[in-house]
Amino acid sequence: SYDYSNRVDKIGDVRISYDYSNRVDKIGDTRISYDYSNRVDKIGDTRISYDYSNRVDKVGDTRISYDYSSKMDKIGDTRISYNTNGSIEKIGNVYVSH
């Protein structure tokens, strides 16, 4: 069975919904689409690109950066912070609920 305890439910006031395969289906009203290898292809009309390590490189024109342990560190200039169990706690000043 799947452990739902670490799944993101909301980012601020925006609800996250999931499909039958437990993939993110929508962020608010924005649909998420996937490519042939089951990676996120688009968020709404915004294309996602990947680097040579198969990590997200850009969301549209916004670069994603990673810390020394390969955790996502920033989206553009917006810092991502994590709680003690390694889950995302905040994106900028917006709290993420699980």
Foldseek 3Di string as FASTA:
>chain_A
DDDCQQPWQAWFNWGWDADPVRHTQAGRNWGWDADPVRHTQAGRNWGWDADPVRHTQAGRNWGWDADPVRDTAAGRPWGWDADPVGHTQHTRNIGIDD
